[in-house]
Amino acid sequence: VVFDKWMEKHHPEKPFERYADDIVVHCKTERQATFMMNQI
């Protein structure tokens, strides 16, 4: 609820992997990565 559905709804273009609380999010540019870090 907190992460997976939120990513699916607000950032569907950003792929990720989650194993319990170990999470990796992928971005194409540094600007995207900085923005996503603040959003998360």
PDB file of all heavy atoms in Angstrom:
ATOM      1  N   VAL A   1       0.828  -1.203   0.000  1.00  0.00           N
ATOM      2  CA  VAL A   1       0.000   0.000   0.000  1.00  0.00           C
ATOM      3  C   VAL A   1       0.866   1.257   0.000  1.00  0.00           C
ATOM      4  O   VAL A   1       0.639   2.196  -0.772  1.00  0.00           O
ATOM      5  CB  VAL A   1      -0.954   0.001   1.216  1.00  0.00           C
ATOM      6  CG1 VAL A   1      -1.734   1.307   1.290  1.00  0.00           C
ATOM      7  CG2 VAL A   1      -1.896  -1.188   1.156  1.00  0.00           C
ATOM      8  N   VAL A   2       1.868   1.270   0.867  1.00  0.00           N
ATOM      9  CA  VAL A   2       2.690   2.473   1.059  1.00  0.00           C
ATOM     10  C   VAL A   2       3.562   2.766  -0.160  1.00  0.00           C
ATOM     11  O   VAL A   2       3.696   3.936  -0.566  1.00  0.00           O
ATOM     12  CB  VAL A   2       3.575   2.317   2.313  1.00  0.00           C
ATOM     13  CG1 VAL A   2       4.627   3.429   2.401  1.00  0.00           C
ATOM     14  CG2 VAL A   2       2.714   2.323   3.569  1.00  0.00           C
ATOM     15  N   PHE A   3       4.135   1.723  -0.777  1.00  0.00           N
ATOM     16  CA  PHE A   3       5.112   1.961  -1.847  1.00  0.00           C
ATOM     17  C   PHE A   3       4.661   1.431  -3.210  1.00  0.00           C
ATOM     18  O   PHE A   3       4.595   2.189  -4.179  1.00  0.00           O
ATOM     19  CB  PHE A   3       6.457   1.336  -1.471  1.00  0.00           C
ATOM     20  CG  PHE A   3       7.548   1.640  -2.460  1.00  0.00           C
ATOM     21  CD1 PHE A   3       8.195   2.862  -2.432  1.00  0.00           C
ATOM     22  CD2 PHE A   3       7.921   0.718  -3.428  1.00  0.00           C
ATOM     23  CE1 PHE A   3       9.188   3.169  -3.358  1.00  0.00           C
ATOM     24  CE2 PHE A   3       8.908   1.005  -4.348  1.00  0.00           C
ATOM     25  CZ  PHE A   3       9.551   2.233  -4.308  1.00  0.00           C
ATOM     26  N   ASP A   4       4.347   0.123  -3.303  1.00  0.00           N
ATOM     27  CA  ASP A   4       4.081  -0.490  -4.613  1.00  0.00           C
ATOM     28  C   ASP A   4       2.910   0.182  -5.335  1.00  0.00           C
ATOM     29  O   ASP A   4       3.029   0.578  -6.502  1.00  0.00           O
ATOM     30  CB  ASP A   4       3.795  -1.989  -4.451  1.00  0.00           C
ATOM     31  CG  ASP A   4       4.940  -2.737  -3.802  1.00  0.00           C
ATOM     32  OD1 ASP A   4       5.994  -2.119  -3.568  1.00  0.00           O
ATOM     33  OD2 ASP A   4       4.789  -3.942  -3.522  1.00  0.00           O
ATOM     34  N   LYS A   5       1.764   0.298  -4.662  1.00  0.00           N
ATOM     35  CA  LYS A   5       0.582   0.902  -5.294  1.00  0.00           C
ATOM     36  C   LYS A   5       0.805   2.386  -5.559  1.00  0.00           C
ATOM     37  O   LYS A   5       0.307   2.928  -6.563  1.00  0.00           O
ATOM     38  CB  LYS A   5      -0.655   0.698  -4.411  1.00  0.00           C
ATOM     39  CG  LYS A   5      -1.084  -0.745  -4.251  1.00  0.00           C
ATOM     40  CD  LYS A   5      -1.523  -1.351  -5.565  1.00  0.00           C
ATOM     41  CE  LYS A   5      -2.845  -0.799  -6.048  1.00  0.00           C
ATOM     42  NZ  LYS A   5      -3.297  -1.440  -7.309  1.00  0.00           N
ATOM     43  N   TRP A   6       1.537   3.044  -4.679  1.00  0.00           N
ATOM     44  CA  TRP A   6       1.846   4.464  -4.874  1.00  0.00           C
ATOM     45  C   TRP A   6       2.713   4.664  -6.114  1.00  0.00           C
ATOM     46  O   TRP A   6       2.458   5.561  -6.929  1.00  0.00           O
ATOM     47  CB  TRP A   6       2.554   4.991  -3.626  1.00  0.00           C
ATOM     48  CG  TRP A   6       3.002   6.419  -3.733  1.00  0.00           C
ATOM     49  CD1 TRP A   6       2.222   7.538  -3.601  1.00  0.00           C
ATOM     50  CD2 TRP A   6       4.334   6.881  -3.992  1.00  0.00           C
ATOM     51  NE1 TRP A   6       2.987   8.668  -3.756  1.00  0.00           N
ATOM     52  CE2 TRP A   6       4.287   8.296  -4.006  1.00  0.00           C
ATOM     53  CE3 TRP A   6       5.550   6.233  -4.204  1.00  0.00           C
ATOM     54  CZ2 TRP A   6       5.424   9.069  -4.229  1.00  0.00           C
ATOM     55  CZ3 TRP A   6       6.685   7.002  -4.431  1.00  0.00           C
ATOM     56  CH2 TRP A   6       6.615   8.406  -4.438  1.00  0.00           C
ATOM     57  N   MET A   7       3.739   3.809  -6.293  1.00  0.00           N
ATOM     58  CA  MET A   7       4.574   3.891  -7.493  1.00  0.00           C
ATOM     59  C   MET A   7       3.761   3.586  -8.747  1.00  0.00           C
ATOM     60  O   MET A   7       3.910   4.247  -9.780  1.00  0.00           O
ATOM     61  CB  MET A   7       5.738   2.902  -7.375  1.00  0.00           C
ATOM     62  CG  MET A   7       6.836   3.314  -6.420  1.00  0.00           C
ATOM     63  SD  MET A   7       7.852   4.685  -7.026  1.00  0.00           S
ATOM     64  CE  MET A   7       8.702   3.915  -8.406  1.00  0.00           C
ATOM     65  N   GLU A   8       2.900   2.590  -8.657  1.00  0.00           N
ATOM     66  CA  GLU A   8       2.074   2.199  -9.805  1.00  0.00           C
ATOM     67  C   GLU A   8       1.127   3.325 -10.225  1.00  0.00           C
ATOM     68  O   GLU A   8       0.878   3.540 -11.420  1.00  0.00           O
ATOM     69  CB  GLU A   8       1.278   0.950  -9.451  1.00  0.00           C
ATOM     70  CG  GLU A   8       0.551   0.304 -10.608  1.00  0.00           C
ATOM     71  CD  GLU A   8      -0.171  -0.959 -10.169  1.00  0.00           C
ATOM     72  OE1 GLU A   8      -1.161  -0.836  -9.409  1.00  0.00           O
ATOM     73  OE2 GLU A   8       0.253  -2.066 -10.562  1.00  0.00           O
ATOM     74  N   LYS A   9       0.635   4.070  -9.256  1.00  0.00           N
ATOM     75  CA  LYS A   9      -0.320   5.136  -9.537  1.00  0.00           C
ATOM     76  C   LYS A   9       0.355   6.435  -9.984  1.00  0.00           C
ATOM     77  O   LYS A   9      -0.077   7.061 -10.965  1.00  0.00           O
ATOM     78  CB  LYS A   9      -1.173   5.404  -8.289  1.00  0.00           C
ATOM     79  CG  LYS A   9      -2.214   6.493  -8.478  1.00  0.00           C
ATOM     80  CD  LYS A   9      -3.035   6.699  -7.212  1.00  0.00           C
ATOM     81  CE  LYS A   9      -4.072   7.802  -7.396  1.00  0.00           C
ATOM     82  NZ  LYS A   9      -4.894   8.006  -6.163  1.00  0.00           N
ATOM     83  N   HIS A  10       1.430   6.837  -9.296  1.00  0.00           N
ATOM     84  CA  HIS A  10       2.023   8.155  -9.529  1.00  0.00           C
ATOM     85  C   HIS A  10       3.271   8.117 -10.421  1.00  0.00           C
ATOM     86  O   HIS A  10       3.590   9.126 -11.057  1.00  0.00           O
ATOM     87  CB  HIS A  10       2.374   8.813  -8.193  1.00  0.00           C
ATOM     88  CG  HIS A  10       1.181   9.091  -7.334  1.00  0.00           C
ATOM     89  ND1 HIS A  10       0.331  10.152  -7.551  1.00  0.00           N
ATOM     90  CD2 HIS A  10       0.686   8.427  -6.250  1.00  0.00           C
ATOM     91  CE1 HIS A  10      -0.635  10.147  -6.644  1.00  0.00           C
ATOM     92  NE2 HIS A  10      -0.442   9.110  -5.840  1.00  0.00           N
ATOM     93  N   HIS A  11       3.983   6.988 -10.444  1.00  0.00           N
ATOM     94  CA  HIS A  11       5.218   6.905 -11.239  1.00  0.00           C
ATOM     95  C   HIS A  11       5.298   5.559 -11.963  1.00  0.00           C
ATOM     96  O   HIS A  11       6.247   4.783 -11.770  1.00  0.00           O
ATOM     97  CB  HIS A  11       6.442   7.096 -10.333  1.00  0.00           C
ATOM     98  CG  HIS A  11       6.393   8.352  -9.524  1.00  0.00           C
ATOM     99  ND1 HIS A  11       6.691   9.596 -10.058  1.00  0.00           N
ATOM    100  CD2 HIS A  11       6.062   8.561  -8.219  1.00  0.00           C
ATOM    101  CE1 HIS A  11       6.549  10.520  -9.118  1.00  0.00           C
ATOM    102  NE2 HIS A  11       6.173   9.921  -7.998  1.00  0.00           N
ATOM    103  N   PRO A  12       4.321   5.254 -12.807  1.00  0.00           N
ATOM    104  CA  PRO A  12       4.298   3.929 -13.457  1.00  0.00           C
ATOM    105  C   PRO A  12       5.454   3.701 -14.422  1.00  0.00           C
ATOM    106  O   PRO A  12       5.759   2.560 -14.760  1.00  0.00           O
ATOM    107  CB  PRO A  12       2.952   3.945 -14.200  1.00  0.00           C
ATOM    108  CG  PRO A  12       2.643   5.391 -14.407  1.00  0.00           C
ATOM    109  CD  PRO A  12       3.199   6.109 -13.211  1.00  0.00           C
ATOM    110  N   GLU A  13       6.098   4.794 -14.874  1.00  0.00           N
ATOM    111  CA  GLU A  13       7.202   4.649 -15.827  1.00  0.00           C
ATOM    112  C   GLU A  13       8.532   4.311 -15.148  1.00  0.00           C
ATOM    113  O   GLU A  13       9.516   4.008 -15.827  1.00  0.00           O
ATOM    114  CB  GLU A  13       7.355   5.945 -16.643  1.00  0.00           C
ATOM    115  CG  GLU A  13       8.013   7.115 -15.916  1.00  0.00           C
ATOM    116  CD  GLU A  13       7.136   7.778 -14.840  1.00  0.00           C
ATOM    117  OE1 GLU A  13       5.959   7.383 -14.714  1.00  0.00           O
ATOM    118  OE2 GLU A  13       7.636   8.669 -14.136  1.00  0.00           O
ATOM    119  N   LYS A  14       8.573   4.328 -13.822  1.00  0.00           N
ATOM    120  CA  LYS A  14       9.805   4.045 -13.087  1.00  0.00           C
ATOM    121  C   LYS A  14       9.788   2.600 -12.587  1.00  0.00           C
ATOM    122  O   LYS A  14       9.046   2.259 -11.667  1.00  0.00           O
ATOM    123  CB  LYS A  14       9.952   4.984 -11.878  1.00  0.00           C
ATOM    124  CG  LYS A  14       9.930   6.472 -12.218  1.00  0.00           C
ATOM    125  CD  LYS A  14      11.187   6.892 -12.919  1.00  0.00           C
ATOM    126  CE  LYS A  14      11.276   8.416 -13.025  1.00  0.00           C
ATOM    127  NZ  LYS A  14      10.138   9.035 -13.718  1.00  0.00           N
ATOM    128  N   PRO A  15      10.591   1.719 -13.180  1.00  0.00           N
ATOM    129  CA  PRO A  15      10.632   0.333 -12.700  1.00  0.00           C
ATOM    130  C   PRO A  15      11.329   0.242 -11.343  1.00  0.00           C
ATOM    131  O   PRO A  15      12.177   1.081 -11.004  1.00  0.00           O
ATOM    132  CB  PRO A  15      11.432  -0.396 -13.779  1.00  0.00           C
ATOM    133  CG  PRO A  15      12.288   0.659 -14.401  1.00  0.00           C
ATOM    134  CD  PRO A  15      11.506   1.937 -14.314  1.00  0.00           C
ATOM    135  N   PHE A  16      10.994  -0.775 -10.582  1.00  0.00           N
ATOM    136  CA  PHE A  16      11.615  -0.965  -9.271  1.00  0.00           C
ATOM    137  C   PHE A  16      11.615  -2.448  -8.915  1.00  0.00           C
ATOM    138  O   PHE A  16      10.926  -3.269  -9.540  1.00  0.00           O
ATOM    139  CB  PHE A  16      10.894  -0.158  -8.192  1.00  0.00           C
ATOM    140  CG  PHE A  16       9.499  -0.639  -7.885  1.00  0.00           C
ATOM    141  CD1 PHE A  16       9.273  -1.592  -6.893  1.00  0.00           C
ATOM    142  CD2 PHE A  16       8.398  -0.144  -8.586  1.00  0.00           C
ATOM    143  CE1 PHE A  16       7.991  -2.051  -6.611  1.00  0.00           C
ATOM    144  CE2 PHE A  16       7.121  -0.596  -8.303  1.00  0.00           C
ATOM    145  CZ  PHE A  16       6.908  -1.545  -7.325  1.00  0.00           C
ATOM    146  N   GLU A  17      12.404  -2.792  -7.908  1.00  0.00           N
ATOM    147  CA  GLU A  17      12.403  -4.125  -7.311  1.00  0.00           C
ATOM    148  C   GLU A  17      12.304  -3.952  -5.802  1.00  0.00           C
ATOM    149  O   GLU A  17      12.980  -3.091  -5.230  1.00  0.00           O
ATOM    150  CB  GLU A  17      13.682  -4.912  -7.636  1.00  0.00           C
ATOM    151  CG  GLU A  17      13.884  -5.216  -9.106  1.00  0.00           C
ATOM    152  CD  GLU A  17      14.447  -4.016  -9.850  1.00  0.00           C
ATOM    153  OE1 GLU A  17      15.274  -3.286  -9.279  1.00  0.00           O
ATOM    154  OE2 GLU A  17      14.024  -3.793 -11.013  1.00  0.00           O
ATOM    155  N   ARG A  18      11.470  -4.760  -5.188  1.00  0.00           N
ATOM    156  CA  ARG A  18      11.342  -4.715  -3.726  1.00  0.00           C
ATOM    157  C   ARG A  18      11.391  -6.127  -3.170  1.00  0.00           C
ATOM    158  O   ARG A  18      10.625  -6.998  -3.586  1.00  0.00           O
ATOM    159  CB  ARG A  18      10.037  -4.036  -3.302  1.00  0.00           C
ATOM    160  CG  ARG A  18       9.908  -3.917  -1.775  1.00  0.00           C
ATOM    161  CD  ARG A  18       8.676  -3.151  -1.361  1.00  0.00           C
ATOM    162  NE  ARG A  18       7.443  -3.846  -1.682  1.00  0.00           N
ATOM    163  CZ  ARG A  18       6.942  -4.859  -0.967  1.00  0.00           C
ATOM    164  NH1 ARG A  18       7.584  -5.327   0.093  1.00  0.00           N
ATOM    165  NH2 ARG A  18       5.806  -5.428  -1.325  1.00  0.00           N
ATOM    166  N   TYR A  19      12.321  -6.348  -2.257  1.00  0.00           N
ATOM    167  CA  TYR A  19      12.379  -7.606  -1.516  1.00  0.00           C
ATOM    168  C   TYR A  19      12.205  -7.236  -0.046  1.00  0.00           C
ATOM    169  O   TYR A  19      13.151  -6.759   0.596  1.00  0.00           O
ATOM    170  CB  TYR A  19      13.704  -8.332  -1.746  1.00  0.00           C
ATOM    171  CG  TYR A  19      13.685  -9.764  -1.268  1.00  0.00           C
ATOM    172  CD1 TYR A  19      13.444 -10.807  -2.153  1.00  0.00           C
ATOM    173  CD2 TYR A  19      13.876 -10.080   0.080  1.00  0.00           C
ATOM    174  CE1 TYR A  19      13.409 -12.123  -1.711  1.00  0.00           C
ATOM    175  CE2 TYR A  19      13.826 -11.382   0.530  1.00  0.00           C
ATOM    176  CZ  TYR A  19      13.599 -12.399  -0.378  1.00  0.00           C
ATOM    177  OH  TYR A  19      13.553 -13.710   0.062  1.00  0.00           O
ATOM    178  N   ALA A  20      10.962  -7.408   0.457  1.00  0.00           N
ATOM    179  CA  ALA A  20      10.603  -6.924   1.802  1.00  0.00           C
ATOM    180  C   ALA A  20      10.878  -5.416   1.847  1.00  0.00           C
ATOM    181  O   ALA A  20      10.314  -4.668   1.067  1.00  0.00           O
ATOM    182  CB  ALA A  20      11.349  -7.697   2.874  1.00  0.00           C
ATOM    183  N   ASP A  21      11.797  -4.968   2.729  1.00  0.00           N
ATOM    184  CA  ASP A  21      12.076  -3.530   2.810  1.00  0.00           C
ATOM    185  C   ASP A  21      13.343  -3.128   2.076  1.00  0.00           C
ATOM    186  O   ASP A  21      13.808  -1.987   2.225  1.00  0.00           O
ATOM    187  CB  ASP A  21      12.149  -3.094   4.276  1.00  0.00           C
ATOM    188  CG  ASP A  21      13.240  -3.830   5.050  1.00  0.00           C
ATOM    189  OD1 ASP A  21      13.519  -4.993   4.721  1.00  0.00           O
ATOM    190  OD2 ASP A  21      13.811  -3.241   5.982  1.00  0.00           O
ATOM    191  N   ASP A  22      13.926  -4.023   1.279  1.00  0.00           N
ATOM    192  CA  ASP A  22      15.055  -3.679   0.400  1.00  0.00           C
ATOM    193  C   ASP A  22      14.498  -3.262  -0.959  1.00  0.00           C
ATOM    194  O   ASP A  22      13.903  -4.072  -1.670  1.00  0.00           O
ATOM    195  CB  ASP A  22      16.000  -4.873   0.230  1.00  0.00           C
ATOM    196  CG  ASP A  22      16.783  -5.159   1.493  1.00  0.00           C
ATOM    197  OD1 ASP A  22      17.056  -4.206   2.247  1.00  0.00           O
ATOM    198  OD2 ASP A  22      17.124  -6.331   1.739  1.00  0.00           O
ATOM    199  N   ILE A  23      14.712  -1.997  -1.334  1.00  0.00           N
ATOM    200  CA  ILE A  23      14.065  -1.438  -2.520  1.00  0.00           C
ATOM    201  C   ILE A  23      15.095  -0.768  -3.421  1.00  0.00           C
ATOM    202  O   ILE A  23      15.984  -0.058  -2.949  1.00  0.00           O
ATOM    203  CB  ILE A  23      12.982  -0.407  -2.134  1.00  0.00           C
ATOM    204  CG1 ILE A  23      11.988  -1.011  -1.124  1.00  0.00           C
ATOM    205  CG2 ILE A  23      12.245   0.101  -3.363  1.00  0.00           C
ATOM    206  CD1 ILE A  23      11.019   0.000  -0.542  1.00  0.00           C
ATOM    207  N   VAL A  24      14.946  -0.988  -4.741  1.00  0.00           N
ATOM    208  CA  VAL A  24      15.755  -0.307  -5.749  1.00  0.00           C
ATOM    209  C   VAL A  24      14.805   0.292  -6.779  1.00  0.00           C
ATOM    210  O   VAL A  24      13.929  -0.401  -7.304  1.00  0.00           O
ATOM    211  CB  VAL A  24      16.737  -1.272  -6.442  1.00  0.00           C
ATOM    212  CG1 VAL A  24      17.504  -0.544  -7.546  1.00  0.00           C
ATOM    213  CG2 VAL A  24      17.703  -1.880  -5.443  1.00  0.00           C
ATOM    214  N   VAL A  25      14.970   1.590  -7.069  1.00  0.00           N
ATOM    215  CA  VAL A  25      14.167   2.290  -8.076  1.00  0.00           C
ATOM    216  C   VAL A  25      15.098   2.760  -9.187  1.00  0.00           C
ATOM    217  O   VAL A  25      16.190   3.282  -8.915  1.00  0.00           O
ATOM    218  CB  VAL A  25      13.427   3.496  -7.461  1.00  0.00           C
ATOM    219  CG1 VAL A  25      12.601   4.226  -8.521  1.00  0.00           C
ATOM    220  CG2 VAL A  25      12.528   3.050  -6.315  1.00  0.00           C
ATOM    221  N   HIS A  26      14.677   2.599 -10.444  1.00  0.00           N
ATOM    222  CA  HIS A  26      15.521   2.929 -11.597  1.00  0.00           C
ATOM    223  C   HIS A  26      15.046   4.209 -12.272  1.00  0.00           C
ATOM    224  O   HIS A  26      13.837   4.422 -12.455  1.00  0.00           O
ATOM    225  CB  HIS A  26      15.507   1.779 -12.605  1.00  0.00           C
ATOM    226  CG  HIS A  26      15.990   0.485 -12.028  1.00  0.00           C
ATOM    227  ND1 HIS A  26      17.313   0.108 -12.029  1.00  0.00           N
ATOM    228  CD2 HIS A  26      15.311  -0.507 -11.395  1.00  0.00           C
ATOM    229  CE1 HIS A  26      17.427  -1.075 -11.442  1.00  0.00           C
ATOM    230  NE2 HIS A  26      16.232  -1.464 -11.047  1.00  0.00           N
ATOM    231  N   CYS A  27      16.022   5.051 -12.655  1.00  0.00           N
ATOM    232  CA  CYS A  27      15.727   6.314 -13.329  1.00  0.00           C
ATOM    233  C   CYS A  27      16.676   6.482 -14.515  1.00  0.00           C
ATOM    234  O   CYS A  27      17.800   5.967 -14.502  1.00  0.00           O
ATOM    235  CB  CYS A  27      15.894   7.496 -12.373  1.00  0.00           C
ATOM    236  SG  CYS A  27      14.831   7.426 -10.914  1.00  0.00           S
ATOM    237  N   LYS A  28      16.228   7.248 -15.516  1.00  0.00           N
ATOM    238  CA  LYS A  28      17.051   7.435 -16.713  1.00  0.00           C
ATOM    239  C   LYS A  28      18.079   8.546 -16.548  1.00  0.00           C
ATOM    240  O   LYS A  28      19.156   8.502 -17.149  1.00  0.00           O
ATOM    241  CB  LYS A  28      16.153   7.717 -17.924  1.00  0.00           C
ATOM    242  CG  LYS A  28      15.341   6.496 -18.371  1.00  0.00           C
ATOM    243  CD  LYS A  28      14.592   6.780 -19.644  1.00  0.00           C
ATOM    244  CE  LYS A  28      13.818   5.545 -20.120  1.00  0.00           C
ATOM    245  NZ  LYS A  28      14.703   4.448 -20.535  1.00  0.00           N
ATOM    246  N   THR A  29      17.761   9.561 -15.762  1.00  0.00           N
ATOM    247  CA  THR A  29      18.660  10.708 -15.621  1.00  0.00           C
ATOM    248  C   THR A  29      18.894  11.048 -14.155  1.00  0.00           C
ATOM    249  O   THR A  29      18.131  10.635 -13.272  1.00  0.00           O
ATOM    250  CB  THR A  29      18.080  11.953 -16.324  1.00  0.00           C
ATOM    251  OG1 THR A  29      16.870  12.353 -15.643  1.00  0.00           O
ATOM    252  CG2 THR A  29      17.767  11.659 -17.792  1.00  0.00           C
ATOM    253  N   GLU A  30      19.917  11.854 -13.935  1.00  0.00           N
ATOM    254  CA  GLU A  30      20.220  12.309 -12.574  1.00  0.00           C
ATOM    255  C   GLU A  30      19.094  13.178 -12.032  1.00  0.00           C
ATOM    256  O   GLU A  30      18.745  13.087 -10.846  1.00  0.00           O
ATOM    257  CB  GLU A  30      21.536  13.091 -12.602  1.00  0.00           C
ATOM    258  CG  GLU A  30      21.948  13.660 -11.256  1.00  0.00           C
ATOM    259  CD  GLU A  30      23.185  14.529 -11.356  1.00  0.00           C
ATOM    260  OE1 GLU A  30      23.731  14.683 -12.460  1.00  0.00           O
ATOM    261  OE2 GLU A  30      23.595  15.073 -10.307  1.00  0.00           O
ATOM    262  N   ARG A  31      18.507  13.986 -12.884  1.00  0.00           N
ATOM    263  CA  ARG A  31      17.414  14.864 -12.455  1.00  0.00           C
ATOM    264  C   ARG A  31      16.216  14.043 -11.985  1.00  0.00           C
ATOM    265  O   ARG A  31      15.591  14.354 -10.958  1.00  0.00           O
ATOM    266  CB  ARG A  31      17.021  15.782 -13.612  1.00  0.00           C
ATOM    267  CG  ARG A  31      15.984  16.824 -13.248  1.00  0.00           C
ATOM    268  CD  ARG A  31      15.719  17.749 -14.430  1.00  0.00           C
ATOM    269  NE  ARG A  31      14.708  18.746 -14.107  1.00  0.00           N
ATOM    270  CZ  ARG A  31      14.266  19.675 -14.955  1.00  0.00           C
ATOM    271  NH1 ARG A  31      14.780  19.729 -16.186  1.00  0.00           N
ATOM    272  NH2 ARG A  31      13.346  20.538 -14.581  1.00  0.00           N
ATOM    273  N   GLN A  32      15.886  12.993 -12.735  1.00  0.00           N
ATOM    274  CA  GLN A  32      14.794  12.105 -12.328  1.00  0.00           C
ATOM    275  C   GLN A  32      15.098  11.444 -10.989  1.00  0.00           C
ATOM    276  O   GLN A  32      14.223  11.343 -10.124  1.00  0.00           O
ATOM    277  CB  GLN A  32      14.567  11.039 -13.392  1.00  0.00           C
ATOM    278  CG  GLN A  32      13.877  11.501 -14.649  1.00  0.00           C
ATOM    279  CD  GLN A  32      13.648  10.362 -15.623  1.00  0.00           C
ATOM    280  OE1 GLN A  32      13.916   9.194 -15.317  1.00  0.00           O
ATOM    281  NE2 GLN A  32      13.142  10.689 -16.813  1.00  0.00           N
ATOM    282  N   ALA A  33      16.336  10.990 -10.824  1.00  0.00           N
ATOM    283  CA  ALA A  33      16.721  10.293  -9.592  1.00  0.00           C
ATOM    284  C   ALA A  33      16.611  11.214  -8.379  1.00  0.00           C
ATOM    285  O   ALA A  33      16.108  10.818  -7.319  1.00  0.00           O
ATOM    286  CB  ALA A  33      18.138   9.752  -9.721  1.00  0.00           C
ATOM    287  N   THR A  34      17.061  12.461  -8.529  1.00  0.00           N
ATOM    288  CA  THR A  34      16.976  13.425  -7.430  1.00  0.00           C
ATOM    289  C   THR A  34      15.517  13.726  -7.078  1.00  0.00           C
ATOM    290  O   THR A  34      15.136  13.785  -5.905  1.00  0.00           O
ATOM    291  CB  THR A  34      17.699  14.727  -7.807  1.00  0.00           C
ATOM    292  OG1 THR A  34      19.053  14.430  -8.176  1.00  0.00           O
ATOM    293  CG2 THR A  34      17.699  15.701  -6.647  1.00  0.00           C
ATOM    294  N   PHE A  35      14.698  13.895  -8.116  1.00  0.00           N
ATOM    295  CA  PHE A  35      13.268  14.162  -7.901  1.00  0.00           C
ATOM    296  C   PHE A  35      12.599  12.985  -7.197  1.00  0.00           C
ATOM    297  O   PHE A  35      11.837  13.174  -6.231  1.00  0.00           O
ATOM    298  CB  PHE A  35      12.596  14.427  -9.256  1.00  0.00           C
ATOM    299  CG  PHE A  35      11.100  14.532  -9.177  1.00  0.00           C
ATOM    300  CD1 PHE A  35      10.494  15.683  -8.696  1.00  0.00           C
ATOM    301  CD2 PHE A  35      10.284  13.479  -9.588  1.00  0.00           C
ATOM    302  CE1 PHE A  35       9.106  15.787  -8.614  1.00  0.00           C
ATOM    303  CE2 PHE A  35       8.903  13.566  -9.505  1.00  0.00           C
ATOM    304  CZ  PHE A  35       8.314  14.729  -9.024  1.00  0.00           C
ATOM    305  N   MET A  36      12.877  11.758  -7.663  1.00  0.00           N
ATOM    306  CA  MET A  36      12.249  10.575  -7.084  1.00  0.00           C
ATOM    307  C   MET A  36      12.697  10.350  -5.643  1.00  0.00           C
ATOM    308  O   MET A  36      11.900   9.935  -4.802  1.00  0.00           O
ATOM    309  CB  MET A  36      12.561   9.340  -7.925  1.00  0.00           C
ATOM    310  CG  MET A  36      11.756   9.238  -9.207  1.00  0.00           C
ATOM    311  SD  MET A  36       9.968   9.228  -8.920  1.00  0.00           S
ATOM    312  CE  MET A  36       9.784   7.787  -7.879  1.00  0.00           C
ATOM    313  N   MET A  37      13.944  10.611  -5.339  1.00  0.00           N
ATOM    314  CA  MET A  37      14.433  10.460  -3.965  1.00  0.00           C
ATOM    315  C   MET A  37      13.633  11.362  -3.024  1.00  0.00           C
ATOM    316  O   MET A  37      13.205  10.932  -1.939  1.00  0.00           O
ATOM    317  CB  MET A  37      15.923  10.792  -3.890  1.00  0.00           C
ATOM    318  CG  MET A  37      16.499  10.765  -2.483  1.00  0.00           C
ATOM    319  SD  MET A  37      16.525   9.106  -1.741  1.00  0.00           S
ATOM    320  CE  MET A  37      18.162   8.562  -2.248  1.00  0.00           C
ATOM    321  N   ASN A  38      13.392  12.610  -3.437  1.00  0.00           N
ATOM    322  CA  ASN A  38      12.630  13.537  -2.596  1.00  0.00           C
ATOM    323  C   ASN A  38      11.167  13.101  -2.475  1.00  0.00           C
ATOM    324  O   ASN A  38      10.564  13.212  -1.400  1.00  0.00           O
ATOM    325  CB  ASN A  38      12.708  14.954  -3.172  1.00  0.00           C
ATOM    326  CG  ASN A  38      14.108  15.540  -3.065  1.00  0.00           C
ATOM    327  OD1 ASN A  38      14.846  15.218  -2.137  1.00  0.00           O
ATOM    328  ND2 ASN A  38      14.484  16.391  -4.015  1.00  0.00           N
ATOM    329  N   GLN A  39      10.599  12.611  -3.583  1.00  0.00           N
ATOM    330  CA  GLN A  39       9.211  12.162  -3.565  1.00  0.00           C
ATOM    331  C   GLN A  39       9.024  10.949  -2.639  1.00  0.00           C
ATOM    332  O   GLN A  39       8.064  10.890  -1.862  1.00  0.00           O
ATOM    333  CB  GLN A  39       8.764  11.801  -4.984  1.00  0.00           C
ATOM    334  CG  GLN A  39       8.595  12.983  -5.909  1.00  0.00           C
ATOM    335  CD  GLN A  39       7.363  13.809  -5.565  1.00  0.00           C
ATOM    336  OE1 GLN A  39       6.237  13.331  -5.617  1.00  0.00           O
ATOM    337  NE2 GLN A  39       7.581  15.067  -5.198  1.00  0.00           N
ATOM    338  N   ILE A  40       9.949  10.007  -2.736  1.00  0.00           N
ATOM    339  CA  ILE A  40       9.852   8.796  -1.901  1.00  0.00           C
ATOM    340  C   ILE A  40      10.060   9.147  -0.433  1.00  0.00           C
ATOM    341  O   ILE A  40       9.368   8.614   0.447  1.00  0.00           O
ATOM    342  CB  ILE A  40      10.879   7.742  -2.372  1.00  0.00           C
ATOM    343  CG1 ILE A  40      10.513   7.251  -3.783  1.00  0.00           C
ATOM    344  CG2 ILE A  40      10.934   6.565  -1.400  1.00  0.00           C
ATOM    345  CD1 ILE A  40      11.589   6.416  -4.444  1.00  0.00           C
TER     346      ILE A  40
END
